[in-house]
Amino acid sequence: MKLSLYLETSVVGAYLDNGEPFRRDLTIRWWEHELSEYRAFSSLLVERELERVAEPHRSGYLNLIKPLERLELTDEVAILAEGYISRGIFQRKFIADALHVALASFHKVDYLVTWNFGHIANVRKQARIRLFNTAAGFFSPVIVTPEFLVNS
Protein backbone atom coordinates (compact mmCIF):
# COMPACT_ATOMS: atom_id res chain seq x y z
CA MET A 1 0.00 0.00 0.00
CA LYS A 2 1.34 3.42 -0.97
CA LEU A 3 2.10 6.04 1.63
CA SER A 4 -0.06 9.14 1.32
CA LEU A 5 0.92 12.77 0.99
CA TYR A 6 -0.83 16.11 0.88
CA LEU A 7 0.66 18.74 -1.42
CA GLU A 8 0.37 22.16 0.17
CA THR A 9 0.14 25.10 -2.24
CA SER A 10 3.81 26.14 -2.02
CA VAL A 11 4.90 22.84 -3.58
CA VAL A 12 2.62 23.31 -6.57
CA GLY A 13 3.82 26.92 -6.84
CA ALA A 14 7.46 25.87 -6.85
CA TYR A 15 6.90 23.80 -10.01
CA LEU A 16 6.80 26.93 -12.18
CA ASP A 17 8.81 29.31 -9.97
CA ASN A 18 11.63 30.78 -12.04
CA GLY A 19 12.74 32.92 -9.11
CA GLU A 20 13.97 29.89 -7.16
CA PRO A 21 15.70 27.58 -9.70
CA PHE A 22 17.00 25.04 -7.14
CA ARG A 23 13.60 24.65 -5.52
CA ARG A 24 11.84 24.57 -8.92
CA ASP A 25 14.19 21.96 -10.42
CA LEU A 26 14.05 19.72 -7.36
CA THR A 27 10.25 19.99 -7.26
CA ILE A 28 9.92 19.16 -10.97
CA ARG A 29 12.27 16.17 -10.70
CA TRP A 30 10.47 14.86 -7.63
CA TRP A 31 7.00 15.47 -9.10
CA GLU A 32 7.79 13.81 -12.42
CA HIS A 33 9.83 10.86 -11.15
CA GLU A 34 8.66 10.07 -7.63
CA LEU A 35 5.22 11.51 -6.91
CA SER A 36 3.60 8.43 -8.48
CA GLU A 37 5.09 6.31 -5.69
CA TYR A 38 2.62 7.96 -3.28
CA ARG A 39 -1.11 8.38 -2.98
CA ALA A 40 -1.12 12.13 -3.58
CA PHE A 41 -3.80 14.52 -2.39
CA SER A 42 -4.67 18.14 -2.93
CA SER A 43 -7.67 20.08 -1.62
CA LEU A 44 -10.22 22.70 -2.51
CA LEU A 45 -8.13 25.09 -0.39
CA VAL A 46 -5.09 24.53 -2.64
CA GLU A 47 -7.28 25.00 -5.70
CA ARG A 48 -8.70 28.29 -4.36
CA GLU A 49 -5.23 29.60 -3.52
CA LEU A 50 -4.00 28.73 -7.01
CA GLU A 51 -7.00 30.38 -8.64
CA ARG A 52 -5.75 33.71 -7.24
CA VAL A 53 -2.48 33.41 -9.21
CA ALA A 54 -2.26 35.39 -12.44
CA GLU A 55 -1.98 33.75 -15.84
CA PRO A 56 -0.04 32.20 -17.45
CA HIS A 57 0.83 30.25 -14.29
CA ARG A 58 -2.72 29.78 -12.95
CA SER A 59 -3.76 27.32 -15.68
CA GLY A 60 -0.49 25.41 -15.37
CA TYR A 61 -0.88 25.07 -11.61
CA LEU A 62 -4.50 23.98 -11.83
CA ASN A 63 -3.59 21.37 -14.46
CA LEU A 64 -0.91 19.97 -12.13
CA ILE A 65 -3.41 19.28 -9.34
CA LYS A 66 -6.30 18.16 -11.56
CA PRO A 67 -5.40 14.43 -11.47
CA LEU A 68 -4.86 14.40 -7.68
CA GLU A 69 -7.40 13.10 -5.21
CA ARG A 70 -8.93 15.79 -2.96
CA LEU A 71 -9.10 15.89 0.82
CA GLU A 72 -12.47 17.10 2.03
CA LEU A 73 -12.59 20.33 4.00
CA THR A 74 -14.99 19.20 6.74
CA ASP A 75 -16.35 20.94 9.83
CA GLU A 76 -13.93 18.85 11.90
CA VAL A 77 -10.99 20.16 9.86
CA ALA A 78 -12.13 23.74 10.46
CA ILE A 79 -12.51 23.07 14.20
CA LEU A 80 -9.02 21.55 14.37
CA ALA A 81 -7.56 24.57 12.53
CA GLU A 82 -9.36 26.86 14.97
CA GLY A 83 -7.76 24.88 17.81
CA TYR A 84 -4.32 25.59 16.36
CA ILE A 85 -5.16 29.29 16.27
CA SER A 86 -6.66 29.45 19.75
CA ARG A 87 -3.51 27.79 21.16
CA GLY A 88 -1.25 30.25 19.36
CA ILE A 89 0.29 27.68 17.02
CA PHE A 90 -0.85 29.77 14.04
CA GLN A 91 -1.88 33.40 13.90
CA ARG A 92 -5.39 34.00 12.59
CA LYS A 93 -4.00 35.76 9.50
CA PHE A 94 -2.39 32.43 8.56
CA ILE A 95 -5.64 30.44 8.80
CA ALA A 96 -4.92 28.81 5.42
CA ASP A 97 -1.70 27.31 6.82
CA ALA A 98 -3.60 26.03 9.86
CA LEU A 99 -6.19 24.50 7.52
CA HIS A 100 -3.50 22.74 5.45
CA VAL A 101 -2.10 21.11 8.60
CA ALA A 102 -5.59 20.28 9.85
CA LEU A 103 -6.51 18.66 6.52
CA ALA A 104 -3.47 16.38 6.61
CA SER A 105 -3.98 15.62 10.31
CA PHE A 106 -7.71 14.90 10.21
CA HIS A 107 -7.44 12.72 7.10
CA LYS A 108 -4.40 10.87 8.52
CA VAL A 109 -2.11 11.64 5.59
CA ASP A 110 1.42 10.31 6.10
CA TYR A 111 3.29 13.37 4.75
CA LEU A 112 2.37 17.03 4.46
CA VAL A 113 4.70 18.28 1.72
CA THR A 114 5.47 22.01 1.78
CA TRP A 115 8.08 24.62 0.97
CA ASN A 116 6.54 26.96 3.56
CA PHE A 117 9.37 27.20 6.09
CA GLY A 118 7.96 30.26 7.85
CA HIS A 119 4.64 28.86 8.98
CA ILE A 120 4.59 25.10 8.49
CA ALA A 121 7.98 23.41 7.91
CA ASN A 122 9.89 24.60 10.93
CA VAL A 123 10.81 22.40 13.87
CA ARG A 124 9.29 24.57 16.60
CA LYS A 125 5.94 24.74 14.83
CA GLN A 126 6.01 21.00 14.10
CA ALA A 127 6.68 20.18 17.75
CA ARG A 128 3.71 22.31 18.86
CA ILE A 129 1.48 20.71 16.22
CA ARG A 130 2.50 17.20 17.37
CA LEU A 131 1.85 18.05 21.03
CA PHE A 132 -1.55 19.56 20.25
CA ASN A 133 -2.61 16.74 17.94
CA THR A 134 -1.51 14.07 20.41
CA ALA A 135 -3.36 15.73 23.29
CA ALA A 136 -6.48 16.16 21.13
CA GLY A 137 -6.34 12.60 19.76
CA PHE A 138 -5.44 13.50 16.19
CA PHE A 139 -2.89 12.00 13.85
CA SER A 140 0.29 14.03 13.20
CA PRO A 141 1.59 13.92 9.64
CA VAL A 142 5.30 14.14 9.00
CA ILE A 143 5.92 17.63 7.61
CA VAL A 144 8.62 17.64 4.94
CA THR A 145 9.90 19.45 1.89
CA PRO A 146 10.10 17.52 -1.40
CA GLU A 147 13.85 17.10 -1.02
CA PHE A 148 13.27 14.74 1.92
CA LEU A 149 11.23 12.46 -0.33
CA VAL A 150 13.76 12.24 -3.16
CA ASN A 151 15.27 8.78 -3.63
CA SER A 152 19.03 8.87 -3.98
C-alpha atoms as a PDB file:
ATOM      1  CA  MET A   1       0.000   0.000   0.000  1.00  0.00           C
ATOM      2  CA  LYS A   2       1.335   3.416  -0.971  1.00  0.00           C
ATOM      3  CA  LEU A   3       2.097   6.042   1.628  1.00  0.00           C
ATOM      4  CA  SER A   4      -0.062   9.137   1.320  1.00  0.00           C
ATOM      5  CA  LEU A   5       0.920  12.771   0.989  1.00  0.00           C
ATOM      6  CA  TYR A   6      -0.826  16.109   0.880  1.00  0.00           C
ATOM      7  CA  LEU A   7       0.659  18.738  -1.424  1.00  0.00           C
ATOM      8  CA  GLU A   8       0.374  22.161   0.167  1.00  0.00           C
ATOM      9  CA  THR A   9       0.137  25.104  -2.239  1.00  0.00           C
ATOM     10  CA  SER A  10       3.806  26.138  -2.021  1.00  0.00           C
ATOM     11  CA  VAL A  11       4.905  22.837  -3.584  1.00  0.00           C
ATOM     12  CA  VAL A  12       2.624  23.314  -6.565  1.00  0.00           C
ATOM     13  CA  GLY A  13       3.819  26.920  -6.835  1.00  0.00           C
ATOM     14  CA  ALA A  14       7.457  25.866  -6.849  1.00  0.00           C
ATOM     15  CA  TYR A  15       6.905  23.805 -10.008  1.00  0.00           C
ATOM     16  CA  LEU A  16       6.798  26.930 -12.176  1.00  0.00           C
ATOM     17  CA  ASP A  17       8.810  29.310  -9.974  1.00  0.00           C
ATOM     18  CA  ASN A  18      11.631  30.776 -12.040  1.00  0.00           C
ATOM     19  CA  GLY A  19      12.743  32.920  -9.113  1.00  0.00           C
ATOM     20  CA  GLU A  20      13.968  29.887  -7.158  1.00  0.00           C
ATOM     21  CA  PRO A  21      15.696  27.581  -9.696  1.00  0.00           C
ATOM     22  CA  PHE A  22      16.995  25.039  -7.140  1.00  0.00           C
ATOM     23  CA  ARG A  23      13.596  24.647  -5.524  1.00  0.00           C
ATOM     24  CA  ARG A  24      11.841  24.573  -8.923  1.00  0.00           C
ATOM     25  CA  ASP A  25      14.189  21.963 -10.424  1.00  0.00           C
ATOM     26  CA  LEU A  26      14.047  19.720  -7.362  1.00  0.00           C
ATOM     27  CA  THR A  27      10.251  19.990  -7.264  1.00  0.00           C
ATOM     28  CA  ILE A  28       9.918  19.158 -10.967  1.00  0.00           C
ATOM     29  CA  ARG A  29      12.273  16.170 -10.700  1.00  0.00           C
ATOM     30  CA  TRP A  30      10.475  14.855  -7.626  1.00  0.00           C
ATOM     31  CA  TRP A  31       7.004  15.473  -9.101  1.00  0.00           C
ATOM     32  CA  GLU A  32       7.787  13.806 -12.420  1.00  0.00           C
ATOM     33  CA  HIS A  33       9.831  10.857 -11.151  1.00  0.00           C
ATOM     34  CA  GLU A  34       8.659  10.067  -7.634  1.00  0.00           C
ATOM     35  CA  LEU A  35       5.221  11.507  -6.910  1.00  0.00           C
ATOM     36  CA  SER A  36       3.603   8.432  -8.484  1.00  0.00           C
ATOM     37  CA  GLU A  37       5.086   6.306  -5.687  1.00  0.00           C
ATOM     38  CA  TYR A  38       2.623   7.962  -3.280  1.00  0.00           C
ATOM     39  CA  ARG A  39      -1.111   8.376  -2.976  1.00  0.00           C
ATOM     40  CA  ALA A  40      -1.121  12.133  -3.578  1.00  0.00           C
ATOM     41  CA  PHE A  41      -3.801  14.518  -2.386  1.00  0.00           C
ATOM     42  CA  SER A  42      -4.672  18.141  -2.932  1.00  0.00           C
ATOM     43  CA  SER A  43      -7.674  20.079  -1.620  1.00  0.00           C
ATOM     44  CA  LEU A  44     -10.216  22.705  -2.511  1.00  0.00           C
ATOM     45  CA  LEU A  45      -8.128  25.093  -0.395  1.00  0.00           C
ATOM     46  CA  VAL A  46      -5.086  24.530  -2.636  1.00  0.00           C
ATOM     47  CA  GLU A  47      -7.275  25.003  -5.699  1.00  0.00           C
ATOM     48  CA  ARG A  48      -8.702  28.290  -4.364  1.00  0.00           C
ATOM     49  CA  GLU A  49      -5.235  29.602  -3.516  1.00  0.00           C
ATOM     50  CA  LEU A  50      -3.995  28.729  -7.007  1.00  0.00           C
ATOM     51  CA  GLU A  51      -7.001  30.378  -8.640  1.00  0.00           C
ATOM     52  CA  ARG A  52      -5.746  33.708  -7.237  1.00  0.00           C
ATOM     53  CA  VAL A  53      -2.480  33.407  -9.214  1.00  0.00           C
ATOM     54  CA  ALA A  54      -2.263  35.393 -12.443  1.00  0.00           C
ATOM     55  CA  GLU A  55      -1.980  33.750 -15.839  1.00  0.00           C
ATOM     56  CA  PRO A  56      -0.041  32.196 -17.448  1.00  0.00           C
ATOM     57  CA  HIS A  57       0.829  30.250 -14.294  1.00  0.00           C
ATOM     58  CA  ARG A  58      -2.722  29.780 -12.946  1.00  0.00           C
ATOM     59  CA  SER A  59      -3.757  27.318 -15.679  1.00  0.00           C
ATOM     60  CA  GLY A  60      -0.493  25.408 -15.370  1.00  0.00           C
ATOM     61  CA  TYR A  61      -0.882  25.071 -11.607  1.00  0.00           C
ATOM     62  CA  LEU A  62      -4.505  23.977 -11.827  1.00  0.00           C
ATOM     63  CA  ASN A  63      -3.589  21.374 -14.459  1.00  0.00           C
ATOM     64  CA  LEU A  64      -0.913  19.975 -12.128  1.00  0.00           C
ATOM     65  CA  ILE A  65      -3.406  19.276  -9.344  1.00  0.00           C
ATOM     66  CA  LYS A  66      -6.303  18.162 -11.561  1.00  0.00           C
ATOM     67  CA  PRO A  67      -5.402  14.433 -11.472  1.00  0.00           C
ATOM     68  CA  LEU A  68      -4.856  14.397  -7.684  1.00  0.00           C
ATOM     69  CA  GLU A  69      -7.402  13.103  -5.206  1.00  0.00           C
ATOM     70  CA  ARG A  70      -8.933  15.787  -2.964  1.00  0.00           C
ATOM     71  CA  LEU A  71      -9.101  15.889   0.820  1.00  0.00           C
ATOM     72  CA  GLU A  72     -12.472  17.096   2.035  1.00  0.00           C
ATOM     73  CA  LEU A  73     -12.593  20.334   3.997  1.00  0.00           C
ATOM     74  CA  THR A  74     -14.992  19.197   6.741  1.00  0.00           C
ATOM     75  CA  ASP A  75     -16.348  20.940   9.830  1.00  0.00           C
ATOM     76  CA  GLU A  76     -13.928  18.848  11.900  1.00  0.00           C
ATOM     77  CA  VAL A  77     -10.988  20.156   9.855  1.00  0.00           C
ATOM     78  CA  ALA A  78     -12.134  23.739  10.462  1.00  0.00           C
ATOM     79  CA  ILE A  79     -12.515  23.073  14.202  1.00  0.00           C
ATOM     80  CA  LEU A  80      -9.020  21.554  14.371  1.00  0.00           C
ATOM     81  CA  ALA A  81      -7.560  24.573  12.530  1.00  0.00           C
ATOM     82  CA  GLU A  82      -9.358  26.859  14.967  1.00  0.00           C
ATOM     83  CA  GLY A  83      -7.764  24.884  17.806  1.00  0.00           C
ATOM     84  CA  TYR A  84      -4.324  25.590  16.361  1.00  0.00           C
ATOM     85  CA  ILE A  85      -5.156  29.292  16.270  1.00  0.00           C
ATOM     86  CA  SER A  86      -6.661  29.450  19.755  1.00  0.00           C
ATOM     87  CA  ARG A  87      -3.512  27.791  21.164  1.00  0.00           C
ATOM     88  CA  GLY A  88      -1.252  30.246  19.364  1.00  0.00           C
ATOM     89  CA  ILE A  89       0.286  27.676  17.023  1.00  0.00           C
ATOM     90  CA  PHE A  90      -0.854  29.766  14.045  1.00  0.00           C
ATOM     91  CA  GLN A  91      -1.875  33.399  13.899  1.00  0.00           C
ATOM     92  CA  ARG A  92      -5.388  34.002  12.589  1.00  0.00           C
ATOM     93  CA  LYS A  93      -4.001  35.765   9.497  1.00  0.00           C
ATOM     94  CA  PHE A  94      -2.394  32.427   8.565  1.00  0.00           C
ATOM     95  CA  ILE A  95      -5.640  30.436   8.795  1.00  0.00           C
ATOM     96  CA  ALA A  96      -4.925  28.806   5.417  1.00  0.00           C
ATOM     97  CA  ASP A  97      -1.704  27.308   6.817  1.00  0.00           C
ATOM     98  CA  ALA A  98      -3.604  26.027   9.860  1.00  0.00           C
ATOM     99  CA  LEU A  99      -6.187  24.496   7.522  1.00  0.00           C
ATOM    100  CA  HIS A 100      -3.500  22.738   5.448  1.00  0.00           C
ATOM    101  CA  VAL A 101      -2.105  21.107   8.596  1.00  0.00           C
ATOM    102  CA  ALA A 102      -5.592  20.276   9.851  1.00  0.00           C
ATOM    103  CA  LEU A 103      -6.509  18.662   6.518  1.00  0.00           C
ATOM    104  CA  ALA A 104      -3.475  16.379   6.607  1.00  0.00           C
ATOM    105  CA  SER A 105      -3.980  15.617  10.309  1.00  0.00           C
ATOM    106  CA  PHE A 106      -7.709  14.898  10.208  1.00  0.00           C
ATOM    107  CA  HIS A 107      -7.442  12.724   7.100  1.00  0.00           C
ATOM    108  CA  LYS A 108      -4.398  10.867   8.520  1.00  0.00           C
ATOM    109  CA  VAL A 109      -2.115  11.636   5.593  1.00  0.00           C
ATOM    110  CA  ASP A 110       1.416  10.314   6.103  1.00  0.00           C
ATOM    111  CA  TYR A 111       3.287  13.371   4.752  1.00  0.00           C
ATOM    112  CA  LEU A 112       2.373  17.032   4.460  1.00  0.00           C
ATOM    113  CA  VAL A 113       4.696  18.284   1.724  1.00  0.00           C
ATOM    114  CA  THR A 114       5.468  22.009   1.782  1.00  0.00           C
ATOM    115  CA  TRP A 115       8.078  24.620   0.969  1.00  0.00           C
ATOM    116  CA  ASN A 116       6.536  26.963   3.563  1.00  0.00           C
ATOM    117  CA  PHE A 117       9.366  27.201   6.095  1.00  0.00           C
ATOM    118  CA  GLY A 118       7.961  30.262   7.845  1.00  0.00           C
ATOM    119  CA  HIS A 119       4.641  28.864   8.979  1.00  0.00           C
ATOM    120  CA  ILE A 120       4.595  25.097   8.490  1.00  0.00           C
ATOM    121  CA  ALA A 121       7.977  23.415   7.908  1.00  0.00           C
ATOM    122  CA  ASN A 122       9.890  24.605  10.929  1.00  0.00           C
ATOM    123  CA  VAL A 123      10.807  22.401  13.867  1.00  0.00           C
ATOM    124  CA  ARG A 124       9.288  24.565  16.602  1.00  0.00           C
ATOM    125  CA  LYS A 125       5.936  24.736  14.835  1.00  0.00           C
ATOM    126  CA  GLN A 126       6.012  21.003  14.098  1.00  0.00           C
ATOM    127  CA  ALA A 127       6.676  20.177  17.748  1.00  0.00           C
ATOM    128  CA  ARG A 128       3.714  22.308  18.861  1.00  0.00           C
ATOM    129  CA  ILE A 129       1.475  20.708  16.223  1.00  0.00           C
ATOM    130  CA  ARG A 130       2.497  17.199  17.369  1.00  0.00           C
ATOM    131  CA  LEU A 131       1.852  18.051  21.029  1.00  0.00           C
ATOM    132  CA  PHE A 132      -1.546  19.564  20.252  1.00  0.00           C
ATOM    133  CA  ASN A 133      -2.607  16.737  17.941  1.00  0.00           C
ATOM    134  CA  THR A 134      -1.511  14.066  20.411  1.00  0.00           C
ATOM    135  CA  ALA A 135      -3.365  15.730  23.289  1.00  0.00           C
ATOM    136  CA  ALA A 136      -6.482  16.164  21.126  1.00  0.00           C
ATOM    137  CA  GLY A 137      -6.341  12.603  19.760  1.00  0.00           C
ATOM    138  CA  PHE A 138      -5.444  13.502  16.192  1.00  0.00           C
ATOM    139  CA  PHE A 139      -2.887  12.003  13.848  1.00  0.00           C
ATOM    140  CA  SER A 140       0.288  14.026  13.198  1.00  0.00           C
ATOM    141  CA  PRO A 141       1.590  13.921   9.635  1.00  0.00           C
ATOM    142  CA  VAL A 142       5.302  14.143   8.998  1.00  0.00           C
ATOM    143  CA  ILE A 143       5.917  17.633   7.608  1.00  0.00           C
ATOM    144  CA  VAL A 144       8.622  17.636   4.940  1.00  0.00           C
ATOM    145  CA  THR A 145       9.900  19.450   1.893  1.00  0.00           C
ATOM    146  CA  PRO A 146      10.095  17.522  -1.403  1.00  0.00           C
ATOM    147  CA  GLU A 147      13.855  17.099  -1.016  1.00  0.00           C
ATOM    148  CA  PHE A 148      13.266  14.741   1.924  1.00  0.00           C
ATOM    149  CA  LEU A 149      11.234  12.465  -0.327  1.00  0.00           C
ATOM    150  CA  VAL A 150      13.760  12.235  -3.161  1.00  0.00           C
ATOM    151  CA  ASN A 151      15.270   8.779  -3.634  1.00  0.00           C
ATOM    152  CA  SER A 152      19.034   8.870  -3.982  1.00  0.00           C
END
